[in-house]
mmCIF file of all heavy atoms, coordinates in Angstrom:
data_MODEL
# 
_entry.id   MODEL 
# 
loop_
_atom_site.group_PDB 
_atom_site.id 
_atom_site.type_symbol 
_atom_site.label_atom_id 
_atom_site.label_alt_id 
_atom_site.label_comp_id 
_atom_site.label_asym_id 
_atom_site.label_entity_id 
_atom_site.label_seq_id 
_atom_site.pdbx_PDB_ins_code 
_atom_site.Cartn_x 
_atom_site.Cartn_y 
_atom_site.Cartn_z 
_atom_site.occupancy 
_atom_site.B_iso_or_equiv 
_atom_site.pdbx_formal_charge 
_atom_site.auth_seq_id 
_atom_site.auth_comp_id 
_atom_site.auth_asym_id 
_atom_site.auth_atom_id 
_atom_site.pdbx_PDB_model_num 
ATOM 1   N N   . SER A 1 1  ? 33.018 16.304 23.127  1.00 0.00 ? 1  SER A N   1 
ATOM 2   C CA  . SER A 1 1  ? 31.889 16.667 23.950  1.00 0.00 ? 1  SER A CA  1 
ATOM 3   C C   . SER A 1 1  ? 31.847 15.749 25.142  1.00 0.00 ? 1  SER A C   1 
ATOM 4   O O   . SER A 1 1  ? 31.991 14.539 25.005  1.00 0.00 ? 1  SER A O   1 
ATOM 5   C CB  . SER A 1 1  ? 30.578 16.555 23.221  1.00 0.00 ? 1  SER A CB  1 
ATOM 6   O OG  . SER A 1 1  ? 29.474 16.716 24.063  1.00 0.00 ? 1  SER A OG  1 
ATOM 7   N N   . ALA A 1 2  ? 31.697 16.356 26.315  1.00 0.00 ? 2  ALA A N   1 
ATOM 8   C CA  . ALA A 1 2  ? 31.657 15.511 27.527  1.00 0.00 ? 2  ALA A CA  1 
ATOM 9   C C   . ALA A 1 2  ? 30.327 15.583 28.209  1.00 0.00 ? 2  ALA A C   1 
ATOM 10  O O   . ALA A 1 2  ? 30.132 15.669 29.422  1.00 0.00 ? 2  ALA A O   1 
ATOM 11  C CB  . ALA A 1 2  ? 32.741 16.075 28.545  1.00 0.00 ? 2  ALA A CB  1 
ATOM 12  N N   . SER A 1 3  ? 29.246 15.483 27.339  1.00 0.00 ? 3  SER A N   1 
ATOM 13  C CA  . SER A 1 3  ? 27.928 15.705 27.788  1.00 0.00 ? 3  SER A CA  1 
ATOM 14  C C   . SER A 1 3  ? 27.463 14.656 28.818  1.00 0.00 ? 3  SER A C   1 
ATOM 15  O O   . SER A 1 3  ? 26.533 14.868 29.604  1.00 0.00 ? 3  SER A O   1 
ATOM 16  C CB  . SER A 1 3  ? 26.951 15.711 26.605  1.00 0.00 ? 3  SER A CB  1 
ATOM 17  O OG  . SER A 1 3  ? 27.069 14.489 25.901  1.00 0.00 ? 3  SER A OG  1 
ATOM 18  N N   . THR A 1 4  ? 28.119 13.461 28.831  1.00 0.00 ? 4  THR A N   1 
ATOM 19  C CA  . THR A 1 4  ? 27.673 12.448 29.768  1.00 0.00 ? 4  THR A CA  1 
ATOM 20  C C   . THR A 1 4  ? 28.508 12.533 31.082  1.00 0.00 ? 4  THR A C   1 
ATOM 21  O O   . THR A 1 4  ? 28.293 11.742 32.001  1.00 0.00 ? 4  THR A O   1 
ATOM 22  C CB  . THR A 1 4  ? 27.910 11.085 29.148  1.00 0.00 ? 4  THR A CB  1 
ATOM 23  O OG1 . THR A 1 4  ? 29.310 10.904 28.786  1.00 0.00 ? 4  THR A OG1 1 
ATOM 24  C CG2 . THR A 1 4  ? 27.054 10.874 27.907  1.00 0.00 ? 4  THR A CG2 1 
ATOM 25  N N   . CYS A 1 5  ? 29.384 13.452 31.166  1.00 0.00 ? 5  CYS A N   1 
ATOM 26  C CA  . CYS A 1 5  ? 30.252 13.579 32.321  1.00 0.00 ? 5  CYS A CA  1 
ATOM 27  C C   . CYS A 1 5  ? 29.583 14.510 33.326  1.00 0.00 ? 5  CYS A C   1 
ATOM 28  O O   . CYS A 1 5  ? 28.931 15.481 32.977  1.00 0.00 ? 5  CYS A O   1 
ATOM 29  C CB  . CYS A 1 5  ? 31.602 14.097 31.867  1.00 0.00 ? 5  CYS A CB  1 
ATOM 30  S SG  . CYS A 1 5  ? 32.752 14.474 33.237  1.00 0.00 ? 5  CYS A SG  1 
ATOM 31  N N   . ASN A 1 6  ? 29.881 14.260 34.638  1.00 0.00 ? 6  ASN A N   1 
ATOM 32  C CA  . ASN A 1 6  ? 29.330 15.103 35.683  1.00 0.00 ? 6  ASN A CA  1 
ATOM 33  C C   . ASN A 1 6  ? 30.378 16.120 36.232  1.00 0.00 ? 6  ASN A C   1 
ATOM 34  O O   . ASN A 1 6  ? 30.181 16.681 37.313  1.00 0.00 ? 6  ASN A O   1 
ATOM 35  C CB  . ASN A 1 6  ? 28.813 14.260 36.841  1.00 0.00 ? 6  ASN A CB  1 
ATOM 36  C CG  . ASN A 1 6  ? 27.599 13.417 36.401  1.00 0.00 ? 6  ASN A CG  1 
ATOM 37  O OD1 . ASN A 1 6  ? 26.683 13.946 35.720  1.00 0.00 ? 6  ASN A OD1 1 
ATOM 38  N ND2 . ASN A 1 6  ? 27.527 12.169 36.839  1.00 0.00 ? 6  ASN A ND2 1 
ATOM 39  N N   . ALA A 1 7  ? 31.440 16.298 35.489  1.00 0.00 ? 7  ALA A N   1 
ATOM 40  C CA  . ALA A 1 7  ? 32.478 17.239 35.925  1.00 0.00 ? 7  ALA A CA  1 
ATOM 41  C C   . ALA A 1 7  ? 31.939 18.699 35.991  1.00 0.00 ? 7  ALA A C   1 
ATOM 42  O O   . ALA A 1 7  ? 30.993 19.006 35.214  1.00 0.00 ? 7  ALA A O   1 
ATOM 43  C CB  . ALA A 1 7  ? 33.657 17.160 35.035  1.00 0.00 ? 7  ALA A CB  1 
ATOM 44  N N   . PRO A 1 8  ? 32.471 19.521 36.872  1.00 0.00 ? 8  PRO A N   1 
ATOM 45  C CA  . PRO A 1 8  ? 32.013 20.896 36.952  1.00 0.00 ? 8  PRO A CA  1 
ATOM 46  C C   . PRO A 1 8  ? 32.466 21.809 35.820  1.00 0.00 ? 8  PRO A C   1 
ATOM 47  O O   . PRO A 1 8  ? 32.163 22.959 35.783  1.00 0.00 ? 8  PRO A O   1 
ATOM 48  C CB  . PRO A 1 8  ? 32.541 21.420 38.294  1.00 0.00 ? 8  PRO A CB  1 
ATOM 49  C CG  . PRO A 1 8  ? 33.812 20.613 38.450  1.00 0.00 ? 8  PRO A CG  1 
ATOM 50  C CD  . PRO A 1 8  ? 33.568 19.269 37.821  1.00 0.00 ? 8  PRO A CD  1 
ATOM 51  N N   . TRP A 1 9  ? 33.281 21.281 34.880  1.00 0.00 ? 9  TRP A N   1 
ATOM 52  C CA  . TRP A 1 9  ? 33.888 22.159 33.905  1.00 0.00 ? 9  TRP A CA  1 
ATOM 53  C C   . TRP A 1 9  ? 33.005 22.198 32.666  1.00 0.00 ? 9  TRP A C   1 
ATOM 54  O O   . TRP A 1 9  ? 32.460 21.199 32.156  1.00 0.00 ? 9  TRP A O   1 
ATOM 55  C CB  . TRP A 1 9  ? 35.268 21.595 33.508  1.00 0.00 ? 9  TRP A CB  1 
ATOM 56  C CG  . TRP A 1 9  ? 36.132 21.411 34.697  1.00 0.00 ? 9  TRP A CG  1 
ATOM 57  C CD1 . TRP A 1 9  ? 36.619 20.228 35.210  1.00 0.00 ? 9  TRP A CD1 1 
ATOM 58  C CD2 . TRP A 1 9  ? 36.725 22.430 35.522  1.00 0.00 ? 9  TRP A CD2 1 
ATOM 59  N NE1 . TRP A 1 9  ? 37.394 20.423 36.263  1.00 0.00 ? 9  TRP A NE1 1 
ATOM 60  C CE2 . TRP A 1 9  ? 37.504 21.786 36.506  1.00 0.00 ? 9  TRP A CE2 1 
ATOM 61  C CE3 . TRP A 1 9  ? 36.637 23.801 35.479  1.00 0.00 ? 9  TRP A CE3 1 
ATOM 62  C CZ2 . TRP A 1 9  ? 38.161 22.490 37.463  1.00 0.00 ? 9  TRP A CZ2 1 
ATOM 63  C CZ3 . TRP A 1 9  ? 37.350 24.527 36.490  1.00 0.00 ? 9  TRP A CZ3 1 
ATOM 64  C CH2 . TRP A 1 9  ? 38.088 23.876 37.439  1.00 0.00 ? 9  TRP A CH2 1 
ATOM 65  N N   . ALA A 1 10 ? 32.877 23.426 32.119  1.00 0.00 ? 10 ALA A N   1 
ATOM 66  C CA  . ALA A 1 10 ? 32.151 23.607 30.827  1.00 0.00 ? 10 ALA A CA  1 
ATOM 67  C C   . ALA A 1 10 ? 33.079 23.453 29.664  1.00 0.00 ? 10 ALA A C   1 
ATOM 68  O O   . ALA A 1 10 ? 32.726 22.847 28.684  1.00 0.00 ? 10 ALA A O   1 
ATOM 69  C CB  . ALA A 1 10 ? 31.476 24.978 30.783  1.00 0.00 ? 10 ALA A CB  1 
ATOM 70  N N   . VAL A 1 11 ? 34.322 24.013 29.785  1.00 0.00 ? 11 VAL A N   1 
ATOM 71  C CA  . VAL A 1 11 ? 35.316 23.949 28.722  1.00 0.00 ? 11 VAL A CA  1 
ATOM 72  C C   . VAL A 1 11 ? 36.643 23.742 29.300  1.00 0.00 ? 11 VAL A C   1 
ATOM 73  O O   . VAL A 1 11 ? 37.034 24.444 30.287  1.00 0.00 ? 11 VAL A O   1 
ATOM 74  C CB  . VAL A 1 11 ? 35.303 25.278 27.848  1.00 0.00 ? 11 VAL A CB  1 
ATOM 75  C CG1 . VAL A 1 11 ? 36.375 25.171 26.787  1.00 0.00 ? 11 VAL A CG1 1 
ATOM 76  C CG2 . VAL A 1 11 ? 33.978 25.570 27.339  1.00 0.00 ? 11 VAL A CG2 1 
ATOM 77  N N   . THR A 1 12 ? 37.400 22.755 28.811  1.00 0.00 ? 12 THR A N   1 
ATOM 78  C CA  . THR A 1 12 ? 38.825 22.566 29.207  1.00 0.00 ? 12 THR A CA  1 
ATOM 79  C C   . THR A 1 12 ? 39.645 22.447 27.972  1.00 0.00 ? 12 THR A C   1 
ATOM 80  O O   . THR A 1 12 ? 39.251 21.870 26.950  1.00 0.00 ? 12 THR A O   1 
ATOM 81  C CB  . THR A 1 12 ? 39.000 21.360 30.097  1.00 0.00 ? 12 THR A CB  1 
ATOM 82  O OG1 . THR A 1 12 ? 38.611 20.170 29.414  1.00 0.00 ? 12 THR A OG1 1 
ATOM 83  C CG2 . THR A 1 12 ? 38.185 21.474 31.390  1.00 0.00 ? 12 THR A CG2 1 
ATOM 84  N N   . ALA A 1 13 ? 40.885 23.033 28.059  1.00 0.00 ? 13 ALA A N   1 
ATOM 85  C CA  . ALA A 1 13 ? 41.854 22.888 26.955  1.00 0.00 ? 13 ALA A CA  1 
ATOM 86  C C   . ALA A 1 13 ? 43.151 22.327 27.537  1.00 0.00 ? 13 ALA A C   1 
ATOM 87  O O   . ALA A 1 13 ? 43.652 22.885 28.512  1.00 0.00 ? 13 ALA A O   1 
ATOM 88  C CB  . ALA A 1 13 ? 42.101 24.239 26.280  1.00 0.00 ? 13 ALA A CB  1 
ATOM 89  N N   . ASN A 1 14 ? 43.601 21.276 26.956  1.00 0.00 ? 14 ASN A N   1 
ATOM 90  C CA  . ASN A 1 14 ? 44.846 20.601 27.445  1.00 0.00 ? 14 ASN A CA  1 
ATOM 91  C C   . ASN A 1 14 ? 45.879 20.554 26.317  1.00 0.00 ? 14 ASN A C   1 
ATOM 92  O O   . ASN A 1 14 ? 45.769 19.790 25.381  1.00 0.00 ? 14 ASN A O   1 
ATOM 93  C CB  . ASN A 1 14 ? 44.504 19.168 27.917  1.00 0.00 ? 14 ASN A CB  1 
ATOM 94  C CG  . ASN A 1 14 ? 43.499 19.136 29.042  1.00 0.00 ? 14 ASN A CG  1 
ATOM 95  O OD1 . ASN A 1 14 ? 43.534 19.986 29.925  1.00 0.00 ? 14 ASN A OD1 1 
ATOM 96  N ND2 . ASN A 1 14 ? 42.624 18.155 29.018  1.00 0.00 ? 14 ASN A ND2 1 
ATOM 97  N N   . GLY A 1 15 ? 46.884 21.405 26.492  1.00 0.00 ? 15 GLY A N   1 
ATOM 98  C CA  . GLY A 1 15 ? 48.011 21.426 25.511  1.00 0.00 ? 15 GLY A CA  1 
ATOM 99  C C   . GLY A 1 15 ? 47.554 21.697 24.064  1.00 0.00 ? 15 GLY A C   1 
ATOM 100 O O   . GLY A 1 15 ? 48.133 21.137 23.138  1.00 0.00 ? 15 GLY A O   1 
ATOM 101 N N   . VAL A 1 16 ? 46.546 22.573 23.928  1.00 0.00 ? 16 VAL A N   1 
ATOM 102 C CA  . VAL A 1 16 ? 45.982 22.832 22.578  1.00 0.00 ? 16 VAL A CA  1 
ATOM 103 C C   . VAL A 1 16 ? 46.950 23.622 21.727  1.00 0.00 ? 16 VAL A C   1 
ATOM 104 O O   . VAL A 1 16 ? 47.429 24.643 22.116  1.00 0.00 ? 16 VAL A O   1 
ATOM 105 C CB  . VAL A 1 16 ? 44.633 23.516 22.731  1.00 0.00 ? 16 VAL A CB  1 
ATOM 106 C CG1 . VAL A 1 16 ? 44.141 23.982 21.340  1.00 0.00 ? 16 VAL A CG1 1 
ATOM 107 C CG2 . VAL A 1 16 ? 43.622 22.562 23.337  1.00 0.00 ? 16 VAL A CG2 1 
ATOM 108 N N   . GLU A 1 17 ? 47.144 23.114 20.464  1.00 0.00 ? 17 GLU A N   1 
ATOM 109 C CA  . GLU A 1 17 ? 47.870 23.864 19.496  1.00 0.00 ? 17 GLU A CA  1 
ATOM 110 C C   . GLU A 1 17 ? 47.121 23.749 18.144  1.00 0.00 ? 17 GLU A C   1 
ATOM 111 O O   . GLU A 1 17 ? 46.395 22.795 17.875  1.00 0.00 ? 17 GLU A O   1 
ATOM 112 C CB  . GLU A 1 17 ? 49.283 23.225 19.315  1.00 0.00 ? 17 GLU A CB  1 
ATOM 113 C CG  . GLU A 1 17 ? 50.099 23.290 20.615  1.00 0.00 ? 17 GLU A CG  1 
ATOM 114 C CD  . GLU A 1 17 ? 51.500 22.668 20.400  1.00 0.00 ? 17 GLU A CD  1 
ATOM 115 O OE1 . GLU A 1 17 ? 51.786 22.143 19.297  1.00 0.00 ? 17 GLU A OE1 1 
ATOM 116 O OE2 . GLU A 1 17 ? 52.294 22.833 21.341  1.00 0.00 ? 17 GLU A OE2 1 
ATOM 117 N N   . ARG A 1 18 ? 47.253 24.834 17.377  1.00 0.00 ? 18 ARG A N   1 
ATOM 118 C CA  . ARG A 1 18 ? 46.692 24.867 16.089  1.00 0.00 ? 18 ARG A CA  1 
ATOM 119 C C   . ARG A 1 18 ? 47.664 25.442 15.083  1.00 0.00 ? 18 ARG A C   1 
ATOM 120 O O   . ARG A 1 18 ? 48.101 26.565 15.267  1.00 0.00 ? 18 ARG A O   1 
ATOM 121 C CB  . ARG A 1 18 ? 45.385 25.669 16.072  1.00 0.00 ? 18 ARG A CB  1 
ATOM 122 C CG  . ARG A 1 18 ? 44.754 25.817 14.684  1.00 0.00 ? 18 ARG A CG  1 
ATOM 123 C CD  . ARG A 1 18 ? 44.297 24.525 14.084  1.00 0.00 ? 18 ARG A CD  1 
ATOM 124 N NE  . ARG A 1 18 ? 44.061 24.685 12.639  1.00 0.00 ? 18 ARG A NE  1 
ATOM 125 C CZ  . ARG A 1 18 ? 43.420 23.792 11.820  1.00 0.00 ? 18 ARG A CZ  1 
ATOM 126 N NH1 . ARG A 1 18 ? 42.990 22.648 12.426  1.00 0.00 ? 18 ARG A NH1 1 
ATOM 127 N NH2 . ARG A 1 18 ? 43.246 24.048 10.577  1.00 0.00 ? 18 ARG A NH2 1 
ATOM 128 N N   . LYS A 1 19 ? 48.059 24.694 14.103  1.00 0.00 ? 19 LYS A N   1 
ATOM 129 C CA  . LYS A 1 19 ? 49.069 25.063 13.164  1.00 0.00 ? 19 LYS A CA  1 
ATOM 130 C C   . LYS A 1 19 ? 48.388 25.222 11.776  1.00 0.00 ? 19 LYS A C   1 
ATOM 131 O O   . LYS A 1 19 ? 47.522 24.480 11.407  1.00 0.00 ? 19 LYS A O   1 
ATOM 132 C CB  . LYS A 1 19 ? 50.158 24.003 13.051  1.00 0.00 ? 19 LYS A CB  1 
ATOM 133 C CG  . LYS A 1 19 ? 51.325 24.309 12.220  1.00 0.00 ? 19 LYS A CG  1 
ATOM 134 C CD  . LYS A 1 19 ? 52.511 23.405 12.438  1.00 0.00 ? 19 LYS A CD  1 
ATOM 135 C CE  . LYS A 1 19 ? 52.201 21.941 12.229  1.00 0.00 ? 19 LYS A CE  1 
ATOM 136 N NZ  . LYS A 1 19 ? 53.429 21.114 12.346  1.00 0.00 ? 19 LYS A NZ  1 
ATOM 137 N N   . PHE A 1 20 ? 48.841 26.259 11.021  1.00 0.00 ? 20 PHE A N   1 
ATOM 138 C CA  . PHE A 1 20 ? 48.361 26.507 9.717   1.00 0.00 ? 20 PHE A CA  1 
ATOM 139 C C   . PHE A 1 20 ? 49.477 26.496 8.739   1.00 0.00 ? 20 PHE A C   1 
ATOM 140 O O   . PHE A 1 20 ? 50.674 26.793 9.134   1.00 0.00 ? 20 PHE A O   1 
ATOM 141 C CB  . PHE A 1 20 ? 47.609 27.848 9.624   1.00 0.00 ? 20 PHE A CB  1 
ATOM 142 C CG  . PHE A 1 20 ? 46.338 27.915 10.310  1.00 0.00 ? 20 PHE A CG  1 
ATOM 143 C CD1 . PHE A 1 20 ? 46.269 28.448 11.597  1.00 0.00 ? 20 PHE A CD1 1 
ATOM 144 C CD2 . PHE A 1 20 ? 45.192 27.379 9.782   1.00 0.00 ? 20 PHE A CD2 1 
ATOM 145 C CE1 . PHE A 1 20 ? 45.035 28.525 12.329  1.00 0.00 ? 20 PHE A CE1 1 
ATOM 146 C CE2 . PHE A 1 20 ? 43.990 27.431 10.477  1.00 0.00 ? 20 PHE A CE2 1 
ATOM 147 C CZ  . PHE A 1 20 ? 43.897 27.985 11.694  1.00 0.00 ? 20 PHE A CZ  1 
ATOM 148 N N   . SER A 1 21 ? 49.252 26.253 7.510   1.00 0.00 ? 21 SER A N   1 
ATOM 149 C CA  . SER A 1 21 ? 50.272 26.296 6.428   1.00 0.00 ? 21 SER A CA  1 
ATOM 150 C C   . SER A 1 21 ? 50.190 27.568 5.656   1.00 0.00 ? 21 SER A C   1 
ATOM 151 O O   . SER A 1 21 ? 49.130 28.088 5.356   1.00 0.00 ? 21 SER A O   1 
ATOM 152 C CB  . SER A 1 21 ? 50.123 25.122 5.468   1.00 0.00 ? 21 SER A CB  1 
ATOM 153 O OG  . SER A 1 21 ? 50.321 23.891 6.156   1.00 0.00 ? 21 SER A OG  1 
ATOM 154 N N   . ARG A 1 22 ? 51.366 28.143 5.375   1.00 0.00 ? 22 ARG A N   1 
ATOM 155 C CA  . ARG A 1 22 ? 51.468 29.219 4.396   1.00 0.00 ? 22 ARG A CA  1 
ATOM 156 C C   . ARG A 1 22 ? 52.179 28.673 3.210   1.00 0.00 ? 22 ARG A C   1 
ATOM 157 O O   . ARG A 1 22 ? 53.418 28.561 3.151   1.00 0.00 ? 22 ARG A O   1 
ATOM 158 C CB  . ARG A 1 22 ? 52.256 30.405 5.044   1.00 0.00 ? 22 ARG A CB  1 
ATOM 159 C CG  . ARG A 1 22 ? 51.539 31.259 5.963   1.00 0.00 ? 22 ARG A CG  1 
ATOM 160 C CD  . ARG A 1 22 ? 52.285 32.563 6.207   1.00 0.00 ? 22 ARG A CD  1 
ATOM 161 N NE  . ARG A 1 22 ? 53.510 32.271 6.932   1.00 0.00 ? 22 ARG A NE  1 
ATOM 162 C CZ  . ARG A 1 22 ? 53.696 32.624 8.205   1.00 0.00 ? 22 ARG A CZ  1 
ATOM 163 N NH1 . ARG A 1 22 ? 52.743 33.250 8.879   1.00 0.00 ? 22 ARG A NH1 1 
ATOM 164 N NH2 . ARG A 1 22 ? 54.841 32.370 8.838   1.00 0.00 ? 22 ARG A NH2 1 
ATOM 165 N N   . ARG A 1 23 ? 51.373 28.360 2.147   1.00 0.00 ? 23 ARG A N   1 
ATOM 166 C CA  . ARG A 1 23 ? 51.961 27.706 1.005   1.00 0.00 ? 23 ARG A CA  1 
ATOM 167 C C   . ARG A 1 23 ? 52.226 28.711 -0.078  1.00 0.00 ? 23 ARG A C   1 
ATOM 168 O O   . ARG A 1 23 ? 51.477 29.691 -0.313  1.00 0.00 ? 23 ARG A O   1 
ATOM 169 C CB  . ARG A 1 23 ? 51.060 26.604 0.496   1.00 0.00 ? 23 ARG A CB  1 
ATOM 170 C CG  . ARG A 1 23 ? 50.915 25.467 1.497   1.00 0.00 ? 23 ARG A CG  1 
ATOM 171 C CD  . ARG A 1 23 ? 50.599 24.173 0.793   1.00 0.00 ? 23 ARG A CD  1 
ATOM 172 N NE  . ARG A 1 23 ? 50.670 23.088 1.719   1.00 0.00 ? 23 ARG A NE  1 
ATOM 173 C CZ  . ARG A 1 23 ? 51.715 22.342 2.021   1.00 0.00 ? 23 ARG A CZ  1 
ATOM 174 N NH1 . ARG A 1 23 ? 52.842 22.651 1.392   1.00 0.00 ? 23 ARG A NH1 1 
ATOM 175 N NH2 . ARG A 1 23 ? 51.649 21.351 2.844   1.00 0.00 ? 23 ARG A NH2 1 
ATOM 176 N N   . SER A 1 24 ? 53.287 28.404 -0.838  1.00 0.00 ? 24 SER A N   1 
ATOM 177 C CA  . SER A 1 24 ? 53.585 29.271 -2.000  1.00 0.00 ? 24 SER A CA  1 
ATOM 178 C C   . SER A 1 24 ? 52.444 29.186 -3.013  1.00 0.00 ? 24 SER A C   1 
ATOM 179 O O   . SER A 1 24 ? 51.800 28.154 -3.183  1.00 0.00 ? 24 SER A O   1 
ATOM 180 C CB  . SER A 1 24 ? 54.840 28.721 -2.612  1.00 0.00 ? 24 SER A CB  1 
ATOM 181 O OG  . SER A 1 24 ? 55.025 29.246 -3.930  1.00 0.00 ? 24 SER A OG  1 
ATOM 182 N N   . PRO A 1 25 ? 52.170 30.290 -3.713  1.00 0.00 ? 25 PRO A N   1 
ATOM 183 C CA  . PRO A 1 25 ? 51.175 30.251 -4.794  1.00 0.00 ? 25 PRO A CA  1 
ATOM 184 C C   . PRO A 1 25 ? 51.603 29.402 -5.934  1.00 0.00 ? 25 PRO A C   1 
ATOM 185 O O   . PRO A 1 25 ? 50.769 29.052 -6.812  1.00 0.00 ? 25 PRO A O   1 
ATOM 186 C CB  . PRO A 1 25 ? 50.988 31.715 -5.137  1.00 0.00 ? 25 PRO A CB  1 
ATOM 187 C CG  . PRO A 1 25 ? 52.323 32.353 -4.802  1.00 0.00 ? 25 PRO A CG  1 
ATOM 188 C CD  . PRO A 1 25 ? 52.784 31.643 -3.555  1.00 0.00 ? 25 PRO A CD  1 
ATOM 189 N N   . HIS A 1 26 ? 52.875 29.020 -6.018  1.00 0.00 ? 26 HIS A N   1 
ATOM 190 C CA  . HIS A 1 26 ? 53.372 28.201 -7.130  1.00 0.00 ? 26 HIS A CA  1 
ATOM 191 C C   . HIS A 1 26 ? 52.893 26.760 -6.941  1.00 0.00 ? 26 HIS A C   1 
ATOM 192 O O   . HIS A 1 26 ? 52.538 26.333 -5.842  1.00 0.00 ? 26 HIS A O   1 
ATOM 193 C CB  . HIS A 1 26 ? 54.906 28.283 -7.221  1.00 0.00 ? 26 HIS A CB  1 
ATOM 194 C CG  . HIS A 1 26 ? 55.427 29.653 -7.367  1.00 0.00 ? 26 HIS A CG  1 
ATOM 195 N ND1 . HIS A 1 26 ? 55.200 30.431 -8.503  1.00 0.00 ? 26 HIS A ND1 1 
ATOM 196 C CD2 . HIS A 1 26 ? 56.144 30.435 -6.450  1.00 0.00 ? 26 HIS A CD2 1 
ATOM 197 C CE1 . HIS A 1 26 ? 55.816 31.602 -8.326  1.00 0.00 ? 26 HIS A CE1 1 
ATOM 198 N NE2 . HIS A 1 26 ? 56.337 31.647 -7.107  1.00 0.00 ? 26 HIS A NE2 1 
ATOM 199 N N   . GLY A 1 27 ? 52.984 25.966 -7.995  1.00 0.00 ? 27 GLY A N   1 
ATOM 200 C CA  . GLY A 1 27 ? 52.500 24.655 -7.985  1.00 0.00 ? 27 GLY A CA  1 
ATOM 201 C C   . GLY A 1 27 ? 53.424 23.678 -7.215  1.00 0.00 ? 27 GLY A C   1 
ATOM 202 O O   . GLY A 1 27 ? 54.553 23.997 -6.818  1.00 0.00 ? 27 GLY A O   1 
ATOM 203 N N   . THR A 1 28 ? 52.932 22.432 -7.111  1.00 0.00 ? 28 THR A N   1 
ATOM 204 C CA  . THR A 1 28 ? 53.681 21.413 -6.419  1.00 0.00 ? 28 THR A CA  1 
ATOM 205 C C   . THR A 1 28 ? 54.966 21.107 -7.054  1.00 0.00 ? 28 THR A C   1 
ATOM 206 O O   . THR A 1 28 ? 56.011 20.862 -6.378  1.00 0.00 ? 28 THR A O   1 
ATOM 207 C CB  . THR A 1 28 ? 52.832 20.101 -6.330  1.00 0.00 ? 28 THR A CB  1 
ATOM 208 O OG1 . THR A 1 28 ? 51.595 20.363 -5.764  1.00 0.00 ? 28 THR A OG1 1 
ATOM 209 C CG2 . THR A 1 28 ? 53.559 19.025 -5.573  1.00 0.00 ? 28 THR A CG2 1 
ATOM 210 N N   . ALA A 1 29 ? 55.052 21.099 -8.409  1.00 0.00 ? 29 ALA A N   1 
ATOM 211 C CA  . ALA A 1 29 ? 56.282 20.819 -9.133  1.00 0.00 ? 29 ALA A CA  1 
ATOM 212 C C   . ALA A 1 29 ? 57.346 21.884 -8.812  1.00 0.00 ? 29 ALA A C   1 
ATOM 213 O O   . ALA A 1 29 ? 58.532 21.558 -8.638  1.00 0.00 ? 29 ALA A O   1 
ATOM 214 C CB  . ALA A 1 29 ? 56.048 20.735 -10.640 1.00 0.00 ? 29 ALA A CB  1 
# 
């Protein structure tokens, strides 16, 4: 949150990535 900033931007995204895992239903072993 940049609530203390006086910049004119409401939302900025810089190099945003979001990765998820697809894991096997089998156990760790």
